[in-house]
PDB file of N, CA and C in Angstrom:
ATOM      1  N   UNK A   1      12.684 -10.795   8.453  1.00  0.00           N
ATOM      2  CA  UNK A   1      11.974  -9.536   8.293  1.00  0.00           C
ATOM      3  C   UNK A   1      11.827  -9.217   6.797  1.00  0.00           C
ATOM      4  N   UNK A   2      10.756  -8.553   6.499  1.00  0.00           N
ATOM      5  CA  UNK A   2      10.445  -8.172   5.125  1.00  0.00           C
ATOM      6  C   UNK A   2      10.751  -6.690   4.960  1.00  0.00           C
ATOM      7  N   UNK A   3      11.525  -6.358   3.940  1.00  0.00           N
ATOM      8  CA  UNK A   3      11.867  -4.968   3.677  1.00  0.00           C
ATOM      9  C   UNK A   3      10.848  -4.359   2.724  1.00  0.00           C
ATOM     10  N   UNK A   4      10.358  -3.160   3.081  1.00  0.00           N
ATOM     11  CA  UNK A   4       9.390  -2.436   2.266  1.00  0.00           C
ATOM     12  C   UNK A   4       9.894  -1.007   2.113  1.00  0.00           C
ATOM     13  N   UNK A   5       9.807  -0.475   0.896  1.00  0.00           N
ATOM     14  CA  UNK A   5      10.166   0.919   0.657  1.00  0.00           C
ATOM     15  C   UNK A   5       8.924   1.664   0.198  1.00  0.00           C
ATOM     16  N   UNK A   6       8.588   2.713   0.936  1.00  0.00           N
ATOM     17  CA  UNK A   6       7.478   3.603   0.590  1.00  0.00           C
ATOM     18  C   UNK A   6       8.096   4.875   0.023  1.00  0.00           C
ATOM     19  N   UNK A   7       7.610   5.301  -1.137  1.00  0.00           N
ATOM     20  CA  UNK A   7       8.142   6.494  -1.783  1.00  0.00           C
ATOM     21  C   UNK A   7       7.048   7.560  -1.798  1.00  0.00           C
ATOM     22  N   UNK A   8       7.306   8.649  -1.091  1.00  0.00           N
ATOM     23  CA  UNK A   8       6.343   9.743  -1.061  1.00  0.00           C
ATOM     24  C   UNK A   8       6.272  10.423  -2.421  1.00  0.00           C
ATOM     25  N   UNK A   9       5.226  11.217  -2.613  1.00  0.00           N
ATOM     26  CA  UNK A   9       5.018  11.920  -3.884  1.00  0.00           C
ATOM     27  C   UNK A   9       6.213  12.812  -4.240  1.00  0.00           C
ATOM     28  N   UNK A  10       6.894  13.340  -3.232  1.00  0.00           N
ATOM     29  CA  UNK A  10       8.046  14.219  -3.488  1.00  0.00           C
ATOM     30  C   UNK A  10       9.356  13.455  -3.687  1.00  0.00           C
ATOM     31  N   UNK A  11       9.292  12.121  -3.663  1.00  0.00           N
ATOM     32  CA  UNK A  11      10.474  11.293  -3.878  1.00  0.00           C
ATOM     33  C   UNK A  11      11.161  10.819  -2.609  1.00  0.00           C
ATOM     34  N   UNK A  12      10.747  11.329  -1.457  1.00  0.00           N
ATOM     35  CA  UNK A  12      11.335  10.877  -0.185  1.00  0.00           C
ATOM     36  C   UNK A  12      11.031   9.400   0.018  1.00  0.00           C
ATOM     37  N   UNK A  13      12.043   8.650   0.431  1.00  0.00           N
ATOM     38  CA  UNK A  13      11.878   7.216   0.648  1.00  0.00           C
ATOM     39  C   UNK A  13      11.893   6.874   2.128  1.00  0.00           C
ATOM     40  N   UNK A  14      11.073   5.894   2.476  1.00  0.00           N
ATOM     41  CA  UNK A  14      11.019   5.373   3.843  1.00  0.00           C
ATOM     42  C   UNK A  14      11.173   3.862   3.757  1.00  0.00           C
ATOM     43  N   UNK A  15      12.319   3.348   4.200  1.00  0.00           N
ATOM     44  CA  UNK A  15      12.557   1.911   4.201  1.00  0.00           C
ATOM     45  C   UNK A  15      12.242   1.386   5.593  1.00  0.00           C
ATOM     46  N   UNK A  16      11.393   0.375   5.635  1.00  0.00           N
ATOM     47  CA  UNK A  16      10.991  -0.197   6.914  1.00  0.00           C
ATOM     48  C   UNK A  16      11.114  -1.708   6.862  1.00  0.00           C
ATOM     49  N   UNK A  17      11.086  -2.323   8.023  1.00  0.00           N
ATOM     50  CA  UNK A  17      11.052  -3.773   8.136  1.00  0.00           C
ATOM     51  C   UNK A  17       9.719  -4.164   8.735  1.00  0.00           C
ATOM     52  N   UNK A  18       9.138  -5.238   8.211  1.00  0.00           N
ATOM     53  CA  UNK A  18       7.824  -5.687   8.650  1.00  0.00           C
ATOM     54  C   UNK A  18       7.828  -7.188   8.861  1.00  0.00           C
ATOM     55  N   UNK A  19       6.831  -7.651   9.560  1.00  0.00           N
ATOM     56  CA  UNK A  19       6.649  -9.075   9.821  1.00  0.00           C
ATOM     57  C   UNK A  19       5.762  -9.685   8.745  1.00  0.00           C
ATOM     58  N   UNK A  20       6.007 -10.939   8.409  1.00  0.00           N
ATOM     59  CA  UNK A  20       5.115 -11.661   7.508  1.00  0.00           C
ATOM     60  C   UNK A  20       3.720 -11.670   8.113  1.00  0.00           C
ATOM     61  N   UNK A  21       2.718 -11.449   7.272  1.00  0.00           N
ATOM     62  CA  UNK A  21       1.334 -11.420   7.734  1.00  0.00           C
ATOM     63  C   UNK A  21       0.805 -10.015   7.980  1.00  0.00           C
ATOM     64  N   UNK A  22       1.711  -9.067   8.198  1.00  0.00           N
ATOM     65  CA  UNK A  22       1.266  -7.680   8.315  1.00  0.00           C
ATOM     66  C   UNK A  22       0.819  -7.202   6.946  1.00  0.00           C
ATOM     67  N   UNK A  23      -0.026  -6.181   6.928  1.00  0.00           N
ATOM     68  CA  UNK A  23      -0.372  -5.563   5.653  1.00  0.00           C
ATOM     69  C   UNK A  23       0.588  -4.407   5.397  1.00  0.00           C
ATOM     70  N   UNK A  24       0.620  -3.965   4.145  1.00  0.00           N
ATOM     71  CA  UNK A  24       1.410  -2.779   3.817  1.00  0.00           C
ATOM     72  C   UNK A  24       0.975  -1.599   4.678  1.00  0.00           C
ATOM     73  N   UNK A  25      -0.316  -1.475   4.946  1.00  0.00           N
ATOM     74  CA  UNK A  25      -0.831  -0.384   5.771  1.00  0.00           C
ATOM     75  C   UNK A  25      -0.302  -0.486   7.204  1.00  0.00           C
ATOM     76  N   UNK A  26      -0.379  -1.669   7.794  1.00  0.00           N
ATOM     77  CA  UNK A  26       0.091  -1.850   9.168  1.00  0.00           C
ATOM     78  C   UNK A  26       1.572  -1.525   9.287  1.00  0.00           C
ATOM     79  N   UNK A  27       2.349  -1.983   8.326  1.00  0.00           N
ATOM     80  CA  UNK A  27       3.791  -1.725   8.359  1.00  0.00           C
ATOM     81  C   UNK A  27       4.066  -0.229   8.282  1.00  0.00           C
ATOM     82  N   UNK A  28       3.326   0.471   7.439  1.00  0.00           N
ATOM     83  CA  UNK A  28       3.505   1.931   7.323  1.00  0.00           C
ATOM     84  C   UNK A  28       3.114   2.632   8.613  1.00  0.00           C
ATOM     85  N   UNK A  29       1.975   2.257   9.167  1.00  0.00           N
ATOM     86  CA  UNK A  29       1.496   2.899  10.396  1.00  0.00           C
ATOM     87  C   UNK A  29       2.446   2.616  11.573  1.00  0.00           C
ATOM     88  N   UNK A  30       2.912   1.388  11.686  1.00  0.00           N
ATOM     89  CA  UNK A  30       3.809   1.012  12.785  1.00  0.00           C
ATOM     90  C   UNK A  30       5.143   1.753  12.718  1.00  0.00           C
ATOM     91  N   UNK A  31       5.518   2.188  11.518  1.00  0.00           N
ATOM     92  CA  UNK A  31       6.810   2.840  11.330  1.00  0.00           C
ATOM     93  C   UNK A  31       6.703   4.332  11.036  1.00  0.00           C
ATOM     94  N   UNK A  32       5.522   4.901  11.225  1.00  0.00           N
ATOM     95  CA  UNK A  32       5.347   6.342  11.075  1.00  0.00           C
ATOM     96  C   UNK A  32       5.550   6.872   9.673  1.00  0.00           C
ATOM     97  N   UNK A  33       5.245   6.059   8.665  1.00  0.00           N
ATOM     98  CA  UNK A  33       5.382   6.510   7.281  1.00  0.00           C
ATOM     99  C   UNK A  33       4.270   7.521   6.997  1.00  0.00           C
ATOM    100  N   UNK A  34       4.626   8.743   6.581  1.00  0.00           N
ATOM    101  CA  UNK A  34       3.598   9.728   6.273  1.00  0.00           C
ATOM    102  C   UNK A  34       2.924   9.434   4.932  1.00  0.00           C
ATOM    103  N   UNK A  35       1.683   9.868   4.795  1.00  0.00           N
ATOM    104  CA  UNK A  35       0.999   9.740   3.515  1.00  0.00           C
ATOM    105  C   UNK A  35      -0.015   8.624   3.440  1.00  0.00           C
ATOM    106  N   UNK A  36      -0.101   7.799   4.465  1.00  0.00           N
ATOM    107  CA  UNK A  36      -1.145   6.775   4.531  1.00  0.00           C
ATOM    108  C   UNK A  36      -2.011   7.130   5.732  1.00  0.00           C
ATOM    109  N   UNK A  37      -3.254   7.529   5.442  1.00  0.00           N
ATOM    110  CA  UNK A  37      -4.143   7.987   6.510  1.00  0.00           C
ATOM    111  C   UNK A  37      -4.837   6.835   7.227  1.00  0.00           C
ATOM    112  N   UNK A  38      -5.295   5.840   6.493  1.00  0.00           N
ATOM    113  CA  UNK A  38      -5.936   4.649   7.064  1.00  0.00           C
ATOM    114  C   UNK A  38      -7.082   5.009   7.997  1.00  0.00           C
ATOM    115  N   UNK A  39      -7.971   5.867   7.528  1.00  0.00           N
ATOM    116  CA  UNK A  39      -9.081   6.345   8.355  1.00  0.00           C
ATOM    117  C   UNK A  39      -9.983   5.225   8.881  1.00  0.00           C
ATOM    118  N   UNK A  40     -10.175   4.162   8.102  1.00  0.00           N
ATOM    119  CA  UNK A  40     -11.078   3.086   8.546  1.00  0.00           C
ATOM    120  C   UNK A  40     -10.351   2.000   9.323  1.00  0.00           C
ATOM    121  N   UNK A  41      -9.043   2.142   9.499  1.00  0.00           N
ATOM    122  CA  UNK A  41      -8.287   1.178  10.283  1.00  0.00           C
ATOM    123  C   UNK A  41      -8.010  -0.133   9.573  1.00  0.00           C
ATOM    124  N   UNK A  42      -8.206  -0.174   8.283  1.00  0.00           N
ATOM    125  CA  UNK A  42      -7.857  -1.384   7.542  1.00  0.00           C
ATOM    126  C   UNK A  42      -9.026  -2.259   7.159  1.00  0.00           C
ATOM    127  N   UNK A  43     -10.236  -1.728   7.164  1.00  0.00           N
ATOM    128  CA  UNK A  43     -11.398  -2.551   6.829  1.00  0.00           C
ATOM    129  C   UNK A  43     -11.876  -2.373   5.386  1.00  0.00           C
ATOM    130  N   UNK A  44     -11.047  -1.773   4.539  1.00  0.00           N
ATOM    131  CA  UNK A  44     -11.359  -1.605   3.115  1.00  0.00           C
ATOM    132  C   UNK A  44     -12.644  -0.799   2.923  1.00  0.00           C
ATOM    133  N   UNK A  45     -12.789   0.265   3.731  1.00  0.00           N
ATOM    134  CA  UNK A  45     -14.028   1.040   3.686  1.00  0.00           C
ATOM    135  C   UNK A  45     -13.814   2.518   3.396  1.00  0.00           C
ATOM    136  N   UNK A  46     -12.567   2.948   3.152  1.00  0.00           N
ATOM    137  CA  UNK A  46     -12.371   4.389   2.981  1.00  0.00           C
ATOM    138  C   UNK A  46     -11.449   4.770   1.827  1.00  0.00           C
ATOM    139  N   UNK A  47     -10.506   3.962   1.464  1.00  0.00           N
ATOM    140  CA  UNK A  47      -9.596   4.278   0.371  1.00  0.00           C
ATOM    141  C   UNK A  47      -8.469   5.219   0.719  1.00  0.00           C
ATOM    142  N   UNK A  48      -8.250   5.501   2.013  1.00  0.00           N
ATOM    143  CA  UNK A  48      -7.212   6.461   2.401  1.00  0.00           C
ATOM    144  C   UNK A  48      -5.851   5.813   2.671  1.00  0.00           C
ATOM    145  N   UNK A  49      -5.676   4.598   2.182  1.00  0.00           N
ATOM    146  CA  UNK A  49      -4.376   3.927   2.299  1.00  0.00           C
ATOM    147  C   UNK A  49      -3.890   3.512   0.915  1.00  0.00           C
ATOM    148  N   UNK A  50      -4.300   4.269  -0.090  1.00  0.00           N
ATOM    149  CA  UNK A  50      -3.954   4.005  -1.486  1.00  0.00           C
ATOM    150  C   UNK A  50      -2.440   4.050  -1.686  1.00  0.00           C
ATOM    151  N   UNK A  51      -1.922   3.041  -2.363  1.00  0.00           N
ATOM    152  CA  UNK A  51      -0.521   3.008  -2.790  1.00  0.00           C
ATOM    153  C   UNK A  51      -0.475   2.565  -4.243  1.00  0.00           C
ATOM    154  N   UNK A  52       0.634   2.875  -4.909  1.00  0.00           N
ATOM    155  CA  UNK A  52       0.851   2.404  -6.270  1.00  0.00           C
ATOM    156  C   UNK A  52       2.043   1.452  -6.210  1.00  0.00           C
ATOM    157  N   UNK A  53       1.771   0.185  -6.479  1.00  0.00           N
ATOM    158  CA  UNK A  53       2.792  -0.853  -6.409  1.00  0.00           C
ATOM    159  C   UNK A  53       3.619  -0.811  -7.687  1.00  0.00           C
ATOM    160  N   UNK A  54       4.945  -0.850  -7.532  1.00  0.00           N
ATOM    161  CA  UNK A  54       5.826  -0.886  -8.697  1.00  0.00           C
ATOM    162  C   UNK A  54       5.480  -2.086  -9.565  1.00  0.00           C
ATOM    163  N   UNK A  55       5.501  -1.881 -10.879  1.00  0.00           N
ATOM    164  CA  UNK A  55       5.131  -2.909 -11.856  1.00  0.00           C
ATOM    165  C   UNK A  55       5.821  -4.246 -11.606  1.00  0.00           C
ATOM    166  N   UNK A  56       7.081  -4.223 -11.219  1.00  0.00           N
ATOM    167  CA  UNK A  56       7.844  -5.462 -11.022  1.00  0.00           C
ATOM    168  C   UNK A  56       7.241  -6.353  -9.942  1.00  0.00           C
ATOM    169  N   UNK A  57       6.439  -5.795  -9.059  1.00  0.00           N
ATOM    170  CA  UNK A  57       5.892  -6.545  -7.933  1.00  0.00           C
ATOM    171  C   UNK A  57       4.438  -6.952  -8.118  1.00  0.00           C
ATOM    172  N   UNK A  58       3.755  -6.392  -9.100  1.00  0.00           N
ATOM    173  CA  UNK A  58       2.320  -6.650  -9.253  1.00  0.00           C
ATOM    174  C   UNK A  58       1.994  -8.129  -9.422  1.00  0.00           C
ATOM    175  N   UNK A  59       2.784  -8.858 -10.171  1.00  0.00           N
ATOM    176  CA  UNK A  59       2.532 -10.274 -10.412  1.00  0.00           C
ATOM    177  C   UNK A  59       2.679 -11.152  -9.191  1.00  0.00           C
ATOM    178  N   UNK A  60       3.289 -10.630  -8.148  1.00  0.00           N
ATOM    179  CA  UNK A  60       3.483 -11.413  -6.925  1.00  0.00           C
ATOM    180  C   UNK A  60       2.353 -11.201  -5.916  1.00  0.00           C
ATOM    181  N   UNK A  61       1.436 -10.287  -6.227  1.00  0.00           N
ATOM    182  CA  UNK A  61       0.336  -9.996  -5.311  1.00  0.00           C
ATOM    183  C   UNK A  61      -0.915 -10.757  -5.703  1.00  0.00           C
ATOM    184  N   UNK A  62      -1.738 -11.095  -4.713  1.00  0.00           N
ATOM    185  CA  UNK A  62      -3.053 -11.643  -5.014  1.00  0.00           C
ATOM    186  C   UNK A  62      -3.877 -10.533  -5.653  1.00  0.00           C
ATOM    187  N   UNK A  63      -4.780 -10.901  -6.524  1.00  0.00           N
ATOM    188  CA  UNK A  63      -5.613  -9.914  -7.204  1.00  0.00           C
ATOM    189  C   UNK A  63      -6.527  -9.207  -6.204  1.00  0.00           C
ATOM    190  N   UNK A  64      -6.832  -7.955  -6.507  1.00  0.00           N
ATOM    191  CA  UNK A  64      -7.773  -7.197  -5.680  1.00  0.00           C
ATOM    192  C   UNK A  64      -9.163  -7.818  -5.825  1.00  0.00           C
ATOM    193  N   UNK A  65      -9.912  -7.845  -4.721  1.00  0.00           N
ATOM    194  CA  UNK A  65     -11.278  -8.362  -4.795  1.00  0.00           C
ATOM    195  C   UNK A  65     -12.236  -7.238  -5.206  1.00  0.00           C
ATOM    196  N   UNK A  66     -13.513  -7.559  -5.341  1.00  0.00           N
ATOM    197  CA  UNK A  66     -14.510  -6.601  -5.821  1.00  0.00           C
ATOM    198  C   UNK A  66     -14.634  -5.393  -4.899  1.00  0.00           C
ATOM    199  N   UNK A  67     -14.546  -5.603  -3.589  1.00  0.00           N
ATOM    200  CA  UNK A  67     -14.674  -4.493  -2.647  1.00  0.00           C
ATOM    201  C   UNK A  67     -13.510  -3.515  -2.812  1.00  0.00           C
ATOM    202  N   UNK A  68     -12.291  -4.045  -2.909  1.00  0.00           N
ATOM    203  CA  UNK A  68     -11.126  -3.188  -3.097  1.00  0.00           C
ATOM    204  C   UNK A  68     -11.220  -2.445  -4.434  1.00  0.00           C
ATOM    205  N   UNK A  69     -11.606  -3.152  -5.494  1.00  0.00           N
ATOM    206  CA  UNK A  69     -11.769  -2.505  -6.802  1.00  0.00           C
ATOM    207  C   UNK A  69     -12.772  -1.363  -6.731  1.00  0.00           C
ATOM    208  N   UNK A  70     -13.845  -1.573  -5.994  1.00  0.00           N
ATOM    209  CA  UNK A  70     -14.866  -0.537  -5.847  1.00  0.00           C
ATOM    210  C   UNK A  70     -14.318   0.696  -5.141  1.00  0.00           C
ATOM    211  N   UNK A  71     -13.571   0.484  -4.074  1.00  0.00           N
ATOM    212  CA  UNK A  71     -12.982   1.608  -3.339  1.00  0.00           C
ATOM    213  C   UNK A  71     -11.944   2.324  -4.200  1.00  0.00           C
ATOM    214  N   UNK A  72     -11.145   1.581  -4.924  1.00  0.00           N
ATOM    215  CA  UNK A  72     -10.131   2.193  -5.789  1.00  0.00           C
ATOM    216  C   UNK A  72     -10.771   2.999  -6.916  1.00  0.00           C
ATOM    217  N   UNK A  73     -11.961   2.592  -7.347  1.00  0.00           N
ATOM    218  CA  UNK A  73     -12.672   3.305  -8.397  1.00  0.00           C
ATOM    219  C   UNK A  73     -13.032   4.725  -8.014  1.00  0.00           C
ATOM    220  N   UNK A  74     -13.043   5.023  -6.731  1.00  0.00           N
ATOM    221  CA  UNK A  74     -13.356   6.373  -6.248  1.00  0.00           C
ATOM    222  C   UNK A  74     -12.103   7.218  -6.048  1.00  0.00           C
ATOM    223  N   UNK A  75     -10.947   6.635  -6.259  1.00  0.00           N
ATOM    224  CA  UNK A  75      -9.680   7.323  -6.041  1.00  0.00           C
ATOM    225  C   UNK A  75      -9.303   8.130  -7.282  1.00  0.00           C
ATOM    226  N   UNK A  76      -9.181   9.452  -7.156  1.00  0.00           N
ATOM    227  CA  UNK A  76      -8.870  10.264  -8.333  1.00  0.00           C
ATOM    228  C   UNK A  76      -7.487   9.995  -8.929  1.00  0.00           C
ATOM    229  N   UNK A  77      -6.571   9.460  -8.156  1.00  0.00           N
ATOM    230  CA  UNK A  77      -5.208   9.212  -8.644  1.00  0.00           C
ATOM    231  C   UNK A  77      -4.960   7.739  -8.960  1.00  0.00           C
ATOM    232  N   UNK A  78      -6.023   6.989  -9.266  1.00  0.00           N
ATOM    233  CA  UNK A  78      -5.880   5.562  -9.549  1.00  0.00           C
ATOM    234  C   UNK A  78      -4.999   5.332 -10.779  1.00  0.00           C
ATOM    235  N   UNK A  79      -4.127   4.332 -10.667  1.00  0.00           N
ATOM    236  CA  UNK A  79      -3.229   3.936 -11.746  1.00  0.00           C
ATOM    237  C   UNK A  79      -3.268   2.422 -11.880  1.00  0.00           C
ATOM    238  N   UNK A  80      -2.561   1.883 -12.856  1.00  0.00           N
ATOM    239  CA  UNK A  80      -2.600   0.432 -13.081  1.00  0.00           C
ATOM    240  C   UNK A  80      -2.070  -0.357 -11.887  1.00  0.00           C
ATOM    241  N   UNK A  81      -1.149   0.193 -11.124  1.00  0.00           N
ATOM    242  CA  UNK A  81      -0.601  -0.502  -9.963  1.00  0.00           C
ATOM    243  C   UNK A  81      -1.269  -0.126  -8.645  1.00  0.00           C
ATOM    244  N   UNK A  82      -2.400   0.562  -8.713  1.00  0.00           N
ATOM    245  CA  UNK A  82      -3.070   1.021  -7.491  1.00  0.00           C
ATOM    246  C   UNK A  82      -3.619  -0.137  -6.673  1.00  0.00           C
ATOM    247  N   UNK A  83      -3.369  -0.063  -5.383  1.00  0.00           N
ATOM    248  CA  UNK A  83      -3.917  -1.025  -4.413  1.00  0.00           C
ATOM    249  C   UNK A  83      -4.213  -0.282  -3.129  1.00  0.00           C
ATOM    250  N   UNK A  84      -5.079  -0.866  -2.324  1.00  0.00           N
ATOM    251  CA  UNK A  84      -5.272  -0.375  -0.967  1.00  0.00           C
ATOM    252  C   UNK A  84      -4.284  -1.139  -0.100  1.00  0.00           C
ATOM    253  N   UNK A  85      -3.446  -0.406   0.608  1.00  0.00           N
ATOM    254  CA  UNK A  85      -2.381  -1.066   1.374  1.00  0.00           C
ATOM    255  C   UNK A  85      -2.928  -1.951   2.488  1.00  0.00           C
ATOM    256  N   UNK A  86      -4.173  -1.724   2.902  1.00  0.00           N
ATOM    257  CA  UNK A  86      -4.774  -2.574   3.936  1.00  0.00           C
ATOM    258  C   UNK A  86      -5.136  -3.953   3.399  1.00  0.00           C
ATOM    259  N   UNK A  87      -5.117  -4.103   2.088  1.00  0.00           N
ATOM    260  CA  UNK A  87      -5.509  -5.369   1.472  1.00  0.00           C
ATOM    261  C   UNK A  87      -4.331  -6.174   0.937  1.00  0.00           C
ATOM    262  N   UNK A  88      -3.121  -5.694   1.142  1.00  0.00           N
ATOM    263  CA  UNK A  88      -1.926  -6.393   0.657  1.00  0.00           C
ATOM    264  C   UNK A  88      -1.167  -6.960   1.852  1.00  0.00           C
ATOM    265  N   UNK A  89      -1.252  -8.272   2.020  1.00  0.00           N
ATOM    266  CA  UNK A  89      -0.538  -8.950   3.103  1.00  0.00           C
ATOM    267  C   UNK A  89       0.892  -9.232   2.671  1.00  0.00           C
ATOM    268  N   UNK A  90       1.813  -8.967   3.566  1.00  0.00           N
ATOM    269  CA  UNK A  90       3.229  -9.161   3.270  1.00  0.00           C
ATOM    270  C   UNK A  90       3.655 -10.599   3.542  1.00  0.00           C
ATOM    271  N   UNK A  91       4.541 -11.081   2.682  1.00  0.00           N
ATOM    272  CA  UNK A  91       5.128 -12.411   2.837  1.00  0.00           C
ATOM    273  C   UNK A  91       6.609 -12.289   2.501  1.00  0.00           C
ATOM    274  N   UNK A  92       7.372 -13.317   2.818  1.00  0.00           N
ATOM    275  CA  UNK A  92       8.807 -13.299   2.525  1.00  0.00           C
ATOM    276  C   UNK A  92       9.068 -13.051   1.045  1.00  0.00           C
ATOM    277  N   UNK A  93       8.195 -13.542   0.182  1.00  0.00           N
ATOM    278  CA  UNK A  93       8.339 -13.359  -1.264  1.00  0.00           C
ATOM    279  C   UNK A  93       8.289 -11.879  -1.662  1.00  0.00           C
ATOM    280  N   UNK A  94       7.683 -11.053  -0.820  1.00  0.00           N
ATOM    281  CA  UNK A  94       7.538  -9.628  -1.132  1.00  0.00           C
ATOM    282  C   UNK A  94       8.642  -8.761  -0.526  1.00  0.00           C
ATOM    283  N   UNK A  95       9.646  -9.383   0.103  1.00  0.00           N
ATOM    284  CA  UNK A  95      10.720  -8.586   0.679  1.00  0.00           C
ATOM    285  C   UNK A  95      11.421  -7.800  -0.425  1.00  0.00           C
ATOM    286  N   UNK A  96      11.519  -6.496  -0.227  1.00  0.00           N
ATOM    287  CA  UNK A  96      12.112  -5.604  -1.204  1.00  0.00           C
ATOM    288  C   UNK A  96      11.084  -4.803  -1.988  1.00  0.00           C
ATOM    289  N   UNK A  97       9.799  -5.058  -1.747  1.00  0.00           N
ATOM    290  CA  UNK A  97       8.736  -4.383  -2.487  1.00  0.00           C
ATOM    291  C   UNK A  97       8.833  -2.865  -2.326  1.00  0.00           C
ATOM    292  N   UNK A  98       8.515  -2.167  -3.416  1.00  0.00           N
ATOM    293  CA  UNK A  98       8.491  -0.695  -3.435  1.00  0.00           C
ATOM    294  C   UNK A  98       7.093  -0.250  -3.815  1.00  0.00           C
ATOM    295  N   UNK A  99       6.579   0.695  -3.049  1.00  0.00           N
ATOM    296  CA  UNK A  99       5.278   1.278  -3.363  1.00  0.00           C
ATOM    297  C   UNK A  99       5.393   2.782  -3.302  1.00  0.00           C
ATOM    298  N   UNK A 100       4.663   3.450  -4.190  1.00  0.00           N
ATOM    299  CA  UNK A 100       4.631   4.912  -4.196  1.00  0.00           C
ATOM    300  C   UNK A 100       3.326   5.382  -3.592  1.00  0.00           C
ATOM    301  N   UNK A 101       3.390   6.548  -2.978  1.00  0.00           N
ATOM    302  CA  UNK A 101       2.209   7.134  -2.364  1.00  0.00           C
ATOM    303  C   UNK A 101       1.699   8.259  -3.252  1.00  0.00           C
ATOM    304  N   UNK A 102       0.376   8.357  -3.418  1.00  0.00           N
ATOM    305  CA  UNK A 102      -0.162   9.439  -4.214  1.00  0.00           C
ATOM    306  C   UNK A 102       0.040  10.784  -3.488  1.00  0.00           C
ATOM    307  N   UNK A 103      -0.106  11.868  -4.216  1.00  0.00           N
ATOM    308  CA  UNK A 103       0.052  13.190  -3.605  1.00  0.00           C
ATOM    309  C   UNK A 103      -0.983  13.401  -2.506  1.00  0.00           C
ATOM    310  N   UNK A 104      -2.207  12.927  -2.737  1.00  0.00           N
ATOM    311  CA  UNK A 104      -3.289  13.098  -1.759  1.00  0.00           C
ATOM    312  C   UNK A 104      -4.042  11.791  -1.607  1.00  0.00           C
ATOM    313  N   UNK A 105      -4.513  11.515  -0.402  1.00  0.00           N
ATOM    314  CA  UNK A 105      -5.422  10.388  -0.174  1.00  0.00           C
ATOM    315  C   UNK A 105      -6.855  10.923  -0.317  1.00  0.00           C
ATOM    316  N   UNK A 106      -7.804  10.048  -0.585  1.00  0.00           N
ATOM    317  CA  UNK A 106      -9.202  10.484  -0.739  1.00  0.00           C
ATOM    318  C   UNK A 106      -9.708  11.200   0.489  1.00  0.00           C
TER     319      UNK A 106
END
């Protein structure tokens, strides 16, 4: 199992376990993590699953594609570690990853 920690804007932490191949969004939704709306269901069409990946983990992720970059460009709280959680697939290498949630989703 892959361990993921989601940190809400107020500092509340949610530690969950996920399966390899799940996305960060799926793991959050399956475990009732608040703060990820996922209005489009994971098709990279809405930007409501925005997370900020801790710097230590960014180098282990595949780069965002043009579609994800475009959606993130509309996010008012975009930061250097911003990703759409529907586009980040989990692997054993990512066990322990920490992501922060913005105060508001688009």
